[in-house]
Amino acid sequence: MGATLDFGKNKGKQMCELDVGYLTWLACYTLVGTHMVTNLDNTWLVQNKLHVIYRARKELIKRRICYHCHRVLPVIGRDRVNGSQNYDDWLSRLLHIKCVKALS
């Protein structure tokens, strides 16, 4: 059972039920170039709901969502005939390679 939100427009919903846009906002991440930086503009969320920020970040990683285009990060190497079977950065990857190139 996941965490239930106790505030906002999605009050009473589980993290796994939230749409990607709202989940990204809850995670307080912003892209600066190709790097993820914590966005501290929402001081109320940072001061009062830090546990929600951490759970939102965990959910985004669990869903394998690209932080730029908000689409799923597929394991392409394993899905293609000549694809690589091992990517050292797969677990920590937050952007599609195409998105990294677009942001660079």
Protein backbone atom coordinates (compact mmCIF):
# COMPACT_ATOMS: atom_id res chain seq x y z
CA MET A 1 0.00 0.00 0.00
CA GLY A 2 1.42 3.35 -1.02
CA ALA A 3 1.29 6.75 0.59
CA THR A 4 -2.00 8.64 0.51
CA LEU A 5 -1.93 12.39 -0.12
CA ASP A 6 -3.47 14.47 2.65
CA PHE A 7 -3.63 17.80 0.80
CA GLY A 8 -4.32 19.43 -2.56
CA LYS A 9 -6.47 18.55 -5.53
CA ASN A 10 -5.57 14.85 -5.29
CA LYS A 11 -6.28 14.48 -1.57
CA GLY A 12 -6.99 10.85 -0.69
CA LYS A 13 -5.26 9.39 -3.77
CA GLN A 14 -2.32 7.00 -3.68
CA MET A 15 1.00 7.98 -5.31
CA CYS A 16 0.54 5.22 -7.87
CA GLU A 17 -2.77 6.84 -8.99
CA LEU A 18 -1.33 10.30 -9.71
CA ASP A 19 -0.72 11.58 -13.23
CA VAL A 20 2.87 12.15 -14.26
CA GLY A 21 2.63 15.96 -14.43
CA TYR A 22 1.41 16.30 -10.85
CA LEU A 23 3.88 13.68 -9.64
CA THR A 24 6.74 15.62 -11.26
CA TRP A 25 5.55 18.80 -9.53
CA LEU A 26 5.42 16.96 -6.19
CA ALA A 27 8.97 15.68 -6.69
CA CYS A 28 10.24 19.31 -6.76
CA TYR A 29 12.69 18.61 -9.56
CA THR A 30 13.57 21.01 -12.32
CA LEU A 31 15.86 20.52 -15.31
CA VAL A 32 18.86 22.81 -15.63
CA GLY A 33 20.46 21.79 -18.88
CA THR A 34 20.65 18.00 -18.57
CA HIS A 35 20.94 17.95 -14.77
CA MET A 36 18.15 17.45 -12.27
CA VAL A 37 18.10 20.13 -9.58
CA THR A 38 15.82 20.38 -6.57
CA ASN A 39 13.36 23.19 -7.11
CA LEU A 40 12.92 25.02 -3.81
CA ASP A 41 10.41 27.56 -5.16
CA ASN A 42 7.54 25.78 -3.43
CA THR A 43 8.69 26.50 0.13
CA TRP A 44 5.47 25.25 1.75
CA LEU A 45 5.90 21.82 0.20
CA VAL A 46 9.58 21.68 1.13
CA GLN A 47 8.98 22.83 4.72
CA ASN A 48 5.84 20.81 5.50
CA LYS A 49 5.72 17.81 3.17
CA LEU A 50 9.29 16.65 2.66
CA HIS A 51 8.19 13.01 2.99
CA VAL A 52 5.79 13.54 0.06
CA ILE A 53 8.64 14.87 -2.09
CA TYR A 54 10.72 11.76 -1.37
CA ARG A 55 7.80 9.41 -2.09
CA ALA A 56 7.01 11.23 -5.35
CA ARG A 57 10.64 10.87 -6.44
CA LYS A 58 10.56 7.17 -5.59
CA GLU A 59 7.36 6.72 -7.60
CA LEU A 60 8.84 8.47 -10.66
CA ILE A 61 11.89 6.21 -10.50
CA LYS A 62 9.67 3.15 -10.02
CA ARG A 63 7.57 4.08 -13.08
CA ARG A 64 10.76 4.81 -15.10
CA ILE A 65 9.53 8.23 -16.29
CA CYS A 66 11.72 10.63 -18.30
CA TYR A 67 11.89 13.97 -16.49
CA HIS A 68 11.93 15.93 -19.75
CA CYS A 69 9.16 14.44 -21.90
CA HIS A 70 7.28 12.56 -19.13
CA ARG A 71 7.19 9.31 -21.12
CA VAL A 72 8.33 5.86 -20.03
CA LEU A 73 12.03 4.97 -20.27
CA PRO A 74 11.99 1.58 -22.06
CA VAL A 75 14.76 -0.97 -21.79
CA ILE A 76 15.50 -0.72 -25.52
CA GLY A 77 18.76 -2.66 -25.43
CA ARG A 78 17.07 -5.78 -24.17
CA ASP A 79 14.06 -5.36 -26.46
CA ARG A 80 16.04 -5.27 -29.72
CA VAL A 81 17.89 -8.04 -31.49
CA ASN A 82 21.28 -6.30 -31.60
CA GLY A 83 20.73 -4.19 -28.48
CA SER A 84 23.11 -4.15 -25.56
CA GLN A 85 22.14 -6.39 -22.66
CA ASN A 86 23.82 -4.25 -20.02
CA TYR A 87 23.70 -0.52 -19.28
CA ASP A 88 25.70 0.52 -16.23
CA ASP A 89 23.64 3.68 -15.68
CA TRP A 90 20.19 2.13 -16.24
CA LEU A 91 19.03 2.29 -12.62
CA SER A 92 20.06 5.94 -12.23
CA ARG A 93 19.00 7.17 -15.68
CA LEU A 94 16.38 9.94 -15.54
CA LEU A 95 16.27 11.05 -19.20
CA HIS A 96 16.00 9.42 -22.62
CA ILE A 97 19.23 9.67 -24.60
CA LYS A 98 17.26 11.63 -27.20
CA CYS A 99 16.08 14.07 -24.50
CA VAL A 100 19.65 14.53 -23.22
CA LYS A 101 20.73 15.43 -26.76
CA ALA A 102 17.80 17.84 -27.18
CA LEU A 103 18.68 19.60 -23.91
CA SER A 104 22.42 19.82 -24.62
